[in-house]
Amino acid sequence: NYAESVKGRFTISRDNAKNTVYLQMNSLKPED
């Protein structure tokens, strides 16, 4: 589930083996 303001720009992923979650943020804006 994504906030409307970040849809299409941010991607969340996780690696359960590493107990790690990531947030890839592209096309960043000052309001981010």
PDB file of all heavy atoms in Angstrom:
ATOM      1  N   ASN A   1       0.859  -1.169   0.000  1.00  0.00           N
ATOM      2  CA  ASN A   1       0.000   0.000   0.000  1.00  0.00           C
ATOM      3  C   ASN A   1       0.906   1.233   0.000  1.00  0.00           C
ATOM      4  O   ASN A   1       1.870   1.290   0.770  1.00  0.00           O
ATOM      5  CB  ASN A   1      -0.894   0.009   1.238  1.00  0.00           C
ATOM      6  CG  ASN A   1      -1.949   1.101   1.182  1.00  0.00           C
ATOM      7  OD1 ASN A   1      -2.414   1.469   0.112  1.00  0.00           O
ATOM      8  ND2 ASN A   1      -2.317   1.623   2.332  1.00  0.00           N
ATOM      9  N   TYR A   2       0.593   2.175  -0.890  1.00  0.00           N
ATOM     10  CA  TYR A   2       1.407   3.376  -1.030  1.00  0.00           C
ATOM     11  C   TYR A   2       0.561   4.626  -0.832  1.00  0.00           C
ATOM     12  O   TYR A   2      -0.616   4.658  -1.185  1.00  0.00           O
ATOM     13  CB  TYR A   2       2.028   3.454  -2.425  1.00  0.00           C
ATOM     14  CG  TYR A   2       3.055   2.410  -2.727  1.00  0.00           C
ATOM     15  CD1 TYR A   2       2.696   1.205  -3.333  1.00  0.00           C
ATOM     16  CD2 TYR A   2       4.405   2.626  -2.447  1.00  0.00           C
ATOM     17  CE1 TYR A   2       3.638   0.237  -3.618  1.00  0.00           C
ATOM     18  CE2 TYR A   2       5.364   1.667  -2.745  1.00  0.00           C
ATOM     19  CZ  TYR A   2       4.965   0.481  -3.328  1.00  0.00           C
ATOM     20  OH  TYR A   2       5.917  -0.472  -3.625  1.00  0.00           O
ATOM     21  N   ALA A   3       1.195   5.662  -0.318  1.00  0.00           N
ATOM     22  CA  ALA A   3       0.554   6.968  -0.306  1.00  0.00           C
ATOM     23  C   ALA A   3       0.371   7.424  -1.752  1.00  0.00           C
ATOM     24  O   ALA A   3       1.225   7.148  -2.609  1.00  0.00           O
ATOM     25  CB  ALA A   3       1.411   7.978   0.448  1.00  0.00           C
ATOM     26  N   GLU A   4      -0.722   8.117  -2.026  1.00  0.00           N
ATOM     27  CA  GLU A   4      -0.990   8.582  -3.383  1.00  0.00           C
ATOM     28  C   GLU A   4       0.144   9.452  -3.912  1.00  0.00           C
ATOM     29  O   GLU A   4       0.482   9.397  -5.096  1.00  0.00           O
ATOM     30  CB  GLU A   4      -2.302   9.361  -3.419  1.00  0.00           C
ATOM     31  CG  GLU A   4      -3.550   8.512  -3.332  1.00  0.00           C
ATOM     32  CD  GLU A   4      -3.728   7.599  -4.532  1.00  0.00           C
ATOM     33  OE1 GLU A   4      -3.335   8.006  -5.653  1.00  0.00           O
ATOM     34  OE2 GLU A   4      -4.228   6.479  -4.359  1.00  0.00           O
ATOM     35  N   SER A   5       0.747  10.206  -3.041  1.00  0.00           N
ATOM     36  CA  SER A   5       1.778  11.161  -3.463  1.00  0.00           C
ATOM     37  C   SER A   5       3.067  10.493  -3.926  1.00  0.00           C
ATOM     38  O   SER A   5       3.902  11.143  -4.561  1.00  0.00           O
ATOM     39  CB  SER A   5       2.095  12.121  -2.310  1.00  0.00           C
ATOM     40  OG  SER A   5       2.564  11.407  -1.183  1.00  0.00           O
ATOM     41  N   VAL A   6       3.251   9.203  -3.618  1.00  0.00           N
ATOM     42  CA  VAL A   6       4.501   8.529  -3.990  1.00  0.00           C
ATOM     43  C   VAL A   6       4.278   7.401  -4.991  1.00  0.00           C
ATOM     44  O   VAL A   6       5.249   6.799  -5.465  1.00  0.00           O
ATOM     45  CB  VAL A   6       5.248   7.986  -2.757  1.00  0.00           C
ATOM     46  CG1 VAL A   6       5.440   9.086  -1.713  1.00  0.00           C
ATOM     47  CG2 VAL A   6       4.549   6.778  -2.155  1.00  0.00           C
ATOM     48  N   LYS A   7       3.036   7.105  -5.312  1.00  0.00           N
ATOM     49  CA  LYS A   7       2.751   6.016  -6.256  1.00  0.00           C
ATOM     50  C   LYS A   7       3.439   6.274  -7.589  1.00  0.00           C
ATOM     51  O   LYS A   7       3.389   7.380  -8.127  1.00  0.00           O
ATOM     52  CB  LYS A   7       1.245   5.873  -6.462  1.00  0.00           C
ATOM     53  CG  LYS A   7       0.533   5.144  -5.346  1.00  0.00           C
ATOM     54  CD  LYS A   7      -0.946   4.969  -5.651  1.00  0.00           C
ATOM     55  CE  LYS A   7      -1.637   4.209  -4.531  1.00  0.00           C
ATOM     56  NZ  LYS A   7      -3.092   4.045  -4.790  1.00  0.00           N
ATOM     57  N   GLY A   8       4.079   5.240  -8.113  1.00  0.00           N
ATOM     58  CA  GLY A   8       4.789   5.352  -9.375  1.00  0.00           C
ATOM     59  C   GLY A   8       6.210   5.860  -9.235  1.00  0.00           C
ATOM     60  O   GLY A   8       6.983   5.810 -10.203  1.00  0.00           O
ATOM     61  N   ARG A   9       6.568   6.350  -8.058  1.00  0.00           N
ATOM     62  CA  ARG A   9       7.933   6.868  -7.838  1.00  0.00           C
ATOM     63  C   ARG A   9       8.696   6.041  -6.797  1.00  0.00           C
ATOM     64  O   ARG A   9       9.912   5.888  -6.908  1.00  0.00           O
ATOM     65  CB  ARG A   9       7.869   8.320  -7.365  1.00  0.00           C
ATOM     66  CG  ARG A   9       7.206   9.267  -8.353  1.00  0.00           C
ATOM     67  CD  ARG A   9       7.352  10.727  -7.909  1.00  0.00           C
ATOM     68  NE  ARG A   9       6.707  11.005  -6.634  1.00  0.00           N
ATOM     69  CZ  ARG A   9       7.329  11.491  -5.565  1.00  0.00           C
ATOM     70  NH1 ARG A   9       8.624  11.761  -5.607  1.00  0.00           N
ATOM     71  NH2 ARG A   9       6.658  11.727  -4.447  1.00  0.00           N
ATOM     72  N   PHE A  10       7.987   5.563  -5.783  1.00  0.00           N
ATOM     73  CA  PHE A  10       8.620   4.803  -4.701  1.00  0.00           C
ATOM     74  C   PHE A  10       8.234   3.337  -4.808  1.00  0.00           C
ATOM     75  O   PHE A  10       7.112   2.999  -5.198  1.00  0.00           O
ATOM     76  CB  PHE A  10       8.165   5.322  -3.340  1.00  0.00           C
ATOM     77  CG  PHE A  10       8.660   6.693  -2.969  1.00  0.00           C
ATOM     78  CD1 PHE A  10       9.283   7.524  -3.891  1.00  0.00           C
ATOM     79  CD2 PHE A  10       8.482   7.167  -1.677  1.00  0.00           C
ATOM     80  CE1 PHE A  10       9.725   8.787  -3.545  1.00  0.00           C
ATOM     81  CE2 PHE A  10       8.920   8.424  -1.300  1.00  0.00           C
ATOM     82  CZ  PHE A  10       9.534   9.233  -2.238  1.00  0.00           C
ATOM     83  N   THR A  11       9.163   2.466  -4.393  1.00  0.00           N
ATOM     84  CA  THR A  11       8.904   1.035  -4.375  1.00  0.00           C
ATOM     85  C   THR A  11       9.409   0.444  -3.073  1.00  0.00           C
ATOM     86  O   THR A  11      10.576   0.647  -2.709  1.00  0.00           O
ATOM     87  CB  THR A  11       9.591   0.328  -5.547  1.00  0.00           C
ATOM     88  OG1 THR A  11       9.143   0.901  -6.789  1.00  0.00           O
ATOM     89  CG2 THR A  11       9.251  -1.161  -5.544  1.00  0.00           C
ATOM     90  N   ILE A  12       8.528  -0.275  -2.383  1.00  0.00           N
ATOM     91  CA  ILE A  12       8.924  -0.958  -1.158  1.00  0.00           C
ATOM     92  C   ILE A  12       9.205  -2.422  -1.478  1.00  0.00           C
ATOM     93  O   ILE A  12       8.503  -3.042  -2.278  1.00  0.00           O
ATOM     94  CB  ILE A  12       7.838  -0.828  -0.064  1.00  0.00           C
ATOM     95  CG1 ILE A  12       8.338  -1.398   1.262  1.00  0.00           C
ATOM     96  CG2 ILE A  12       6.521  -1.469  -0.497  1.00  0.00           C
ATOM     97  CD1 ILE A  12       7.412  -1.111   2.442  1.00  0.00           C
ATOM     98  N   SER A  13      10.242  -2.946  -0.863  1.00  0.00           N
ATOM     99  CA  SER A  13      10.566  -4.357  -1.026  1.00  0.00           C
ATOM    100  C   SER A  13      11.149  -4.866   0.285  1.00  0.00           C
ATOM    101  O   SER A  13      11.516  -4.076   1.164  1.00  0.00           O
ATOM    102  CB  SER A  13      11.563  -4.563  -2.174  1.00  0.00           C
ATOM    103  OG  SER A  13      12.782  -3.889  -1.908  1.00  0.00           O
ATOM    104  N   ARG A  14      11.214  -6.165   0.419  1.00  0.00           N
ATOM    105  CA  ARG A  14      11.771  -6.724   1.645  1.00  0.00           C
ATOM    106  C   ARG A  14      12.496  -8.019   1.331  1.00  0.00           C
ATOM    107  O   ARG A  14      12.140  -8.745   0.404  1.00  0.00           O
ATOM    108  CB  ARG A  14      10.696  -6.921   2.704  1.00  0.00           C
ATOM    109  CG  ARG A  14       9.554  -7.808   2.329  1.00  0.00           C
ATOM    110  CD  ARG A  14       8.401  -7.696   3.323  1.00  0.00           C
ATOM    111  NE  ARG A  14       8.703  -8.334   4.591  1.00  0.00           N
ATOM    112  CZ  ARG A  14       7.894  -8.309   5.648  1.00  0.00           C
ATOM    113  NH1 ARG A  14       6.750  -7.650   5.581  1.00  0.00           N
ATOM    114  NH2 ARG A  14       8.220  -8.927   6.780  1.00  0.00           N
ATOM    115  N   ASP A  15      13.501  -8.281   2.135  1.00  0.00           N
ATOM    116  CA  ASP A  15      14.268  -9.514   2.063  1.00  0.00           C
ATOM    117  C   ASP A  15      14.086 -10.193   3.411  1.00  0.00           C
ATOM    118  O   ASP A  15      14.731  -9.817   4.400  1.00  0.00           O
ATOM    119  CB  ASP A  15      15.737  -9.199   1.782  1.00  0.00           C
ATOM    120  CG  ASP A  15      16.581 -10.438   1.585  1.00  0.00           C
ATOM    121  OD1 ASP A  15      16.191 -11.510   2.095  1.00  0.00           O
ATOM    122  OD2 ASP A  15      17.629 -10.340   0.940  1.00  0.00           O
ATOM    123  N   ASN A  16      13.191 -11.166   3.448  1.00  0.00           N
ATOM    124  CA  ASN A  16      12.892 -11.810   4.734  1.00  0.00           C
ATOM    125  C   ASN A  16      14.098 -12.563   5.290  1.00  0.00           C
ATOM    126  O   ASN A  16      14.253 -12.682   6.505  1.00  0.00           O
ATOM    127  CB  ASN A  16      11.707 -12.754   4.584  1.00  0.00           C
ATOM    128  CG  ASN A  16      10.392 -12.008   4.438  1.00  0.00           C
ATOM    129  OD1 ASN A  16      10.248 -10.888   4.926  1.00  0.00           O
ATOM    130  ND2 ASN A  16       9.437 -12.612   3.760  1.00  0.00           N
ATOM    131  N   ALA A  17      14.932 -13.071   4.416  1.00  0.00           N
ATOM    132  CA  ALA A  17      16.120 -13.801   4.880  1.00  0.00           C
ATOM    133  C   ALA A  17      17.067 -12.872   5.645  1.00  0.00           C
ATOM    134  O   ALA A  17      17.794 -13.313   6.529  1.00  0.00           O
ATOM    135  CB  ALA A  17      16.838 -14.433   3.703  1.00  0.00           C
ATOM    136  N   LYS A  18      17.035 -11.587   5.283  1.00  0.00           N
ATOM    137  CA  LYS A  18      17.900 -10.609   5.937  1.00  0.00           C
ATOM    138  C   LYS A  18      17.152  -9.755   6.953  1.00  0.00           C
ATOM    139  O   LYS A  18      17.727  -8.842   7.540  1.00  0.00           O
ATOM    140  CB  LYS A  18      18.552  -9.700   4.896  1.00  0.00           C
ATOM    141  CG  LYS A  18      19.489 -10.424   3.948  1.00  0.00           C
ATOM    142  CD  LYS A  18      20.131  -9.440   2.972  1.00  0.00           C
ATOM    143  CE  LYS A  18      21.107 -10.149   2.049  1.00  0.00           C
ATOM    144  NZ  LYS A  18      21.740  -9.207   1.089  1.00  0.00           N
ATOM    145  N   ASN A  19      15.857 -10.020   7.113  1.00  0.00           N
ATOM    146  CA  ASN A  19      15.048  -9.183   8.018  1.00  0.00           C
ATOM    147  C   ASN A  19      15.197  -7.705   7.672  1.00  0.00           C
ATOM    148  O   ASN A  19      15.346  -6.847   8.559  1.00  0.00           O
ATOM    149  CB  ASN A  19      15.445  -9.404   9.486  1.00  0.00           C
ATOM    150  CG  ASN A  19      14.586 -10.449  10.172  1.00  0.00           C
ATOM    151  OD1 ASN A  19      13.608 -10.936   9.610  1.00  0.00           O
ATOM    152  ND2 ASN A  19      14.955 -10.792  11.391  1.00  0.00           N
ATOM    153  N   THR A  20      15.163  -7.397   6.384  1.00  0.00           N
ATOM    154  CA  THR A  20      15.418  -6.036   5.922  1.00  0.00           C
ATOM    155  C   THR A  20      14.307  -5.602   4.971  1.00  0.00           C
ATOM    156  O   THR A  20      13.860  -6.379   4.123  1.00  0.00           O
ATOM    157  CB  THR A  20      16.773  -5.943   5.214  1.00  0.00           C
ATOM    158  OG1 THR A  20      17.804  -6.327   6.135  1.00  0.00           O
ATOM    159  CG2 THR A  20      17.044  -4.522   4.742  1.00  0.00           C
ATOM    160  N   VAL A  21      13.886  -4.349   5.129  1.00  0.00           N
ATOM    161  CA  VAL A  21      12.917  -3.746   4.219  1.00  0.00           C
ATOM    162  C   VAL A  21      13.582  -2.532   3.567  1.00  0.00           C
ATOM    163  O   VAL A  21      14.376  -1.838   4.194  1.00  0.00           O
ATOM    164  CB  VAL A  21      11.611  -3.372   4.942  1.00  0.00           C
ATOM    165  CG1 VAL A  21      11.848  -2.319   6.009  1.00  0.00           C
ATOM    166  CG2 VAL A  21      10.549  -2.917   3.961  1.00  0.00           C
ATOM    167  N   TYR A  22      13.261  -2.321   2.304  1.00  0.00           N
ATOM    168  CA  TYR A  22      13.879  -1.249   1.522  1.00  0.00           C
ATOM    169  C   TYR A  22      12.808  -0.298   0.989  1.00  0.00           C
ATOM    170  O   TYR A  22      11.646  -0.681   0.809  1.00  0.00           O
ATOM    171  CB  TYR A  22      14.644  -1.832   0.336  1.00  0.00           C
ATOM    172  CG  TYR A  22      15.674  -2.861   0.706  1.00  0.00           C
ATOM    173  CD1 TYR A  22      15.367  -4.223   0.652  1.00  0.00           C
ATOM    174  CD2 TYR A  22      16.953  -2.492   1.105  1.00  0.00           C
ATOM    175  CE1 TYR A  22      16.298  -5.184   0.984  1.00  0.00           C
ATOM    176  CE2 TYR A  22      17.905  -3.449   1.440  1.00  0.00           C
ATOM    177  CZ  TYR A  22      17.567  -4.792   1.385  1.00  0.00           C
ATOM    178  OH  TYR A  22      18.501  -5.741   1.723  1.00  0.00           O
ATOM    179  N   LEU A  23      13.233   0.909   0.724  1.00  0.00           N
ATOM    180  CA  LEU A  23      12.375   1.864   0.038  1.00  0.00           C
ATOM    181  C   LEU A  23      13.207   2.528  -1.053  1.00  0.00           C
ATOM    182  O   LEU A  23      14.108   3.323  -0.757  1.00  0.00           O
ATOM    183  CB  LEU A  23      11.821   2.917   0.997  1.00  0.00           C
ATOM    184  CG  LEU A  23      10.812   3.890   0.385  1.00  0.00           C
ATOM    185  CD1 LEU A  23       9.517   3.148   0.015  1.00  0.00           C
ATOM    186  CD2 LEU A  23      10.510   5.048   1.330  1.00  0.00           C
ATOM    187  N   GLN A  24      12.919   2.170  -2.299  1.00  0.00           N
ATOM    188  CA  GLN A  24      13.567   2.796  -3.439  1.00  0.00           C
ATOM    189  C   GLN A  24      12.767   4.037  -3.805  1.00  0.00           C
ATOM    190  O   GLN A  24      11.572   3.935  -4.105  1.00  0.00           O
ATOM    191  CB  GLN A  24      13.639   1.846  -4.618  1.00  0.00           C
ATOM    192  CG  GLN A  24      14.265   2.443  -5.864  1.00  0.00           C
ATOM    193  CD  GLN A  24      15.730   2.772  -5.689  1.00  0.00           C
ATOM    194  OE1 GLN A  24      16.487   1.984  -5.123  1.00  0.00           O
ATOM    195  NE2 GLN A  24      16.149   3.945  -6.154  1.00  0.00           N
ATOM    196  N   MET A  25      13.414   5.188  -3.778  1.00  0.00           N
ATOM    197  CA  MET A  25      12.731   6.450  -4.039  1.00  0.00           C
ATOM    198  C   MET A  25      13.329   7.088  -5.286  1.00  0.00           C
ATOM    199  O   MET A  25      14.525   7.426  -5.299  1.00  0.00           O
ATOM    200  CB  MET A  25      12.884   7.393  -2.836  1.00  0.00           C
ATOM    201  CG  MET A  25      12.412   6.782  -1.526  1.00  0.00           C
ATOM    202  SD  MET A  25      12.443   7.945  -0.148  1.00  0.00           S
ATOM    203  CE  MET A  25      14.212   8.204   0.010  1.00  0.00           C
ATOM    204  N   ASN A  26      12.522   7.229  -6.311  1.00  0.00           N
ATOM    205  CA  ASN A  26      12.952   7.826  -7.577  1.00  0.00           C
ATOM    206  C   ASN A  26      12.176   9.116  -7.822  1.00  0.00           C
ATOM    207  O   ASN A  26      11.138   9.355  -7.211  1.00  0.00           O
ATOM    208  CB  ASN A  26      12.726   6.853  -8.735  1.00  0.00           C
ATOM    209  CG  ASN A  26      13.509   5.570  -8.590  1.00  0.00           C
ATOM    210  OD1 ASN A  26      14.615   5.565  -8.041  1.00  0.00           O
ATOM    211  ND2 ASN A  26      12.938   4.487  -9.079  1.00  0.00           N
ATOM    212  N   SER A  27      12.689   9.914  -8.731  1.00  0.00           N
ATOM    213  CA  SER A  27      12.039  11.180  -9.104  1.00  0.00           C
ATOM    214  C   SER A  27      11.670  11.997  -7.867  1.00  0.00           C
ATOM    215  O   SER A  27      10.542  12.481  -7.734  1.00  0.00           O
ATOM    216  CB  SER A  27      10.780  10.893  -9.939  1.00  0.00           C
ATOM    217  OG  SER A  27      11.098  10.160 -11.097  1.00  0.00           O
ATOM    218  N   LEU A  28      12.615  12.135  -6.998  1.00  0.00           N
ATOM    219  CA  LEU A  28      12.349  12.816  -5.729  1.00  0.00           C
ATOM    220  C   LEU A  28      12.019  14.283  -5.932  1.00  0.00           C
ATOM    221  O   LEU A  28      12.559  14.949  -6.834  1.00  0.00           O
ATOM    222  CB  LEU A  28      13.547  12.665  -4.787  1.00  0.00           C
ATOM    223  CG  LEU A  28      13.628  11.292  -4.116  1.00  0.00           C
ATOM    224  CD1 LEU A  28      15.030  11.016  -3.612  1.00  0.00           C
ATOM    225  CD2 LEU A  28      12.627  11.205  -2.975  1.00  0.00           C
ATOM    226  N   LYS A  29      11.126  14.767  -5.079  1.00  0.00           N
ATOM    227  CA  LYS A  29      10.657  16.150  -5.130  1.00  0.00           C
ATOM    228  C   LYS A  29      10.970  16.843  -3.806  1.00  0.00           C
ATOM    229  O   LYS A  29      11.102  16.174  -2.772  1.00  0.00           O
ATOM    230  CB  LYS A  29       9.149  16.187  -5.358  1.00  0.00           C
ATOM    231  CG  LYS A  29       8.674  15.428  -6.586  1.00  0.00           C
ATOM    232  CD  LYS A  29       7.157  15.417  -6.649  1.00  0.00           C
ATOM    233  CE  LYS A  29       6.658  14.642  -7.855  1.00  0.00           C
ATOM    234  NZ  LYS A  29       5.181  14.625  -7.932  1.00  0.00           N
ATOM    235  N   PRO A  30      11.061  18.154  -3.806  1.00  0.00           N
ATOM    236  CA  PRO A  30      11.315  18.863  -2.542  1.00  0.00           C
ATOM    237  C   PRO A  30      10.293  18.517  -1.455  1.00  0.00           C
ATOM    238  O   PRO A  30      10.647  18.465  -0.270  1.00  0.00           O
ATOM    239  CB  PRO A  30      11.232  20.336  -2.951  1.00  0.00           C
ATOM    240  CG  PRO A  30      11.669  20.345  -4.382  1.00  0.00           C
ATOM    241  CD  PRO A  30      11.109  19.077  -4.961  1.00  0.00           C
ATOM    242  N   GLU A  31       9.060  18.250  -1.848  1.00  0.00           N
ATOM    243  CA  GLU A  31       8.032  17.910  -0.867  1.00  0.00           C
ATOM    244  C   GLU A  31       8.212  16.526  -0.265  1.00  0.00           C
ATOM    245  O   GLU A  31       7.473  16.147   0.656  1.00  0.00           O
ATOM    246  CB  GLU A  31       6.627  18.051  -1.459  1.00  0.00           C
ATOM    247  CG  GLU A  31       6.431  17.341  -2.775  1.00  0.00           C
ATOM    248  CD  GLU A  31       6.612  18.257  -3.976  1.00  0.00           C
ATOM    249  OE1 GLU A  31       7.574  19.062  -3.984  1.00  0.00           O
ATOM    250  OE2 GLU A  31       5.787  18.142  -4.922  1.00  0.00           O
ATOM    251  N   ASP A  32       9.163  15.757  -0.765  1.00  0.00           N
ATOM    252  CA  ASP A  32       9.490  14.467  -0.144  1.00  0.00           C
ATOM    253  C   ASP A  32      10.440  14.645   1.037  1.00  0.00           C
ATOM    254  O   ASP A  32      10.734  13.672   1.741  1.00  0.00           O
ATOM    255  CB  ASP A  32      10.140  13.530  -1.165  1.00  0.00           C
ATOM    256  CG  ASP A  32       9.191  13.127  -2.279  1.00  0.00           C
ATOM    257  OD1 ASP A  32       8.019  12.833  -1.985  1.00  0.00           O
ATOM    258  OD2 ASP A  32       9.637  13.113  -3.450  1.00  0.00           O
TER     259      ASP A  32
END
